[in-house]
Amino acid sequence: MDKIKVENHSFTAFSWFAGWLFTIGFLHLSFWKGVFAILLWPYYIGVWVSGLIK
């Protein structure tokens, strides 16, 4: 019988959420701009990190 391994990635989710809240507070975004930032923030971070890797 195979063993089942359960992994918990809550630290990663917490880090993403904390970074998102910091970004909203630092830029003084309004509510709707903050909601919009949920979608765009990970994209721009990904583009920036991929630029570092190349």
C-alpha atoms as a PDB file:
ATOM      1  CA  MET A   1       0.000   0.000   0.000  1.00  0.00           C
ATOM      2  CA  ASP A   2       1.351   3.442  -0.950  1.00  0.00           C
ATOM      3  CA  LYS A   3       1.774   6.139   1.622  1.00  0.00           C
ATOM      4  CA  ILE A   4      -0.078   9.402   1.096  1.00  0.00           C
ATOM      5  CA  LYS A   5       1.970  12.534   1.623  1.00  0.00           C
ATOM      6  CA  VAL A   6       0.124  15.730   2.515  1.00  0.00           C
ATOM      7  CA  GLU A   7       1.980  19.001   2.000  1.00  0.00           C
ATOM      8  CA  ASN A   8       0.979  22.312   3.503  1.00  0.00           C
ATOM      9  CA  HIS A   9       1.864  25.448   1.548  1.00  0.00           C
ATOM     10  CA  SER A  10       0.274  27.975   3.853  1.00  0.00           C
ATOM     11  CA  PHE A  11       3.504  29.978   4.225  1.00  0.00           C
ATOM     12  CA  THR A  12       3.577  30.651   0.484  1.00  0.00           C
ATOM     13  CA  ALA A  13      -0.048  31.774   0.483  1.00  0.00           C
ATOM     14  CA  PHE A  14       0.546  33.971   3.528  1.00  0.00           C
ATOM     15  CA  SER A  15       3.599  35.551   1.894  1.00  0.00           C
ATOM     16  CA  TRP A  16       1.614  36.324  -1.256  1.00  0.00           C
ATOM     17  CA  PHE A  17      -1.250  37.807   0.754  1.00  0.00           C
ATOM     18  CA  ALA A  18       1.095  39.890   2.925  1.00  0.00           C
ATOM     19  CA  GLY A  19       2.886  41.210  -0.156  1.00  0.00           C
ATOM     20  CA  TRP A  20      -0.415  42.088  -1.783  1.00  0.00           C
ATOM     21  CA  LEU A  21      -1.587  43.977   1.314  1.00  0.00           C
ATOM     22  CA  PHE A  22       1.748  45.786   1.554  1.00  0.00           C
ATOM     23  CA  THR A  23       1.474  46.837  -2.100  1.00  0.00           C
ATOM     24  CA  ILE A  24      -2.038  48.196  -1.625  1.00  0.00           C
ATOM     25  CA  GLY A  25      -1.037  50.117   1.506  1.00  0.00           C
ATOM     26  CA  PHE A  26       2.231  51.407   0.079  1.00  0.00           C
ATOM     27  CA  LEU A  27       0.594  52.729  -3.093  1.00  0.00           C
ATOM     28  CA  HIS A  28      -2.496  54.063  -1.253  1.00  0.00           C
ATOM     29  CA  LEU A  29      -4.827  52.279  -3.664  1.00  0.00           C
ATOM     30  CA  SER A  30      -8.589  52.651  -3.505  1.00  0.00           C
ATOM     31  CA  PHE A  31     -10.797  49.598  -2.971  1.00  0.00           C
ATOM     32  CA  TRP A  32     -11.414  48.869  -6.666  1.00  0.00           C
ATOM     33  CA  LYS A  33      -7.799  49.466  -7.607  1.00  0.00           C
ATOM     34  CA  GLY A  34      -6.874  47.045  -4.817  1.00  0.00           C
ATOM     35  CA  VAL A  35      -9.247  44.437  -6.229  1.00  0.00           C
ATOM     36  CA  PHE A  36      -7.733  45.012  -9.676  1.00  0.00           C
ATOM     37  CA  ALA A  37      -4.255  44.621  -8.121  1.00  0.00           C
ATOM     38  CA  ILE A  38      -5.152  41.053  -7.120  1.00  0.00           C
ATOM     39  CA  LEU A  39      -5.045  40.136 -10.795  1.00  0.00           C
ATOM     40  CA  LEU A  40      -2.138  42.279 -11.980  1.00  0.00           C
ATOM     41  CA  TRP A  41       0.302  42.129  -9.067  1.00  0.00           C
ATOM     42  CA  PRO A  42       1.295  38.458  -9.564  1.00  0.00           C
ATOM     43  CA  TYR A  43       1.779  39.076 -13.299  1.00  0.00           C
ATOM     44  CA  TYR A  44       4.170  41.989 -12.803  1.00  0.00           C
ATOM     45  CA  ILE A  45       6.096  40.146 -10.094  1.00  0.00           C
ATOM     46  CA  GLY A  46       6.429  37.171 -12.464  1.00  0.00           C
ATOM     47  CA  VAL A  47       7.690  39.382 -15.284  1.00  0.00           C
ATOM     48  CA  TRP A  48      10.217  41.006 -12.955  1.00  0.00           C
ATOM     49  CA  VAL A  49      11.486  37.670 -11.588  1.00  0.00           C
ATOM     50  CA  SER A  50      11.738  36.152 -15.075  1.00  0.00           C
ATOM     51  CA  GLY A  51      13.889  39.144 -16.058  1.00  0.00           C
ATOM     52  CA  LEU A  52      16.250  38.327 -13.197  1.00  0.00           C
ATOM     53  CA  ILE A  53      16.550  34.697 -14.255  1.00  0.00           C
ATOM     54  CA  LYS A  54      17.463  35.432 -17.897  1.00  0.00           C
END
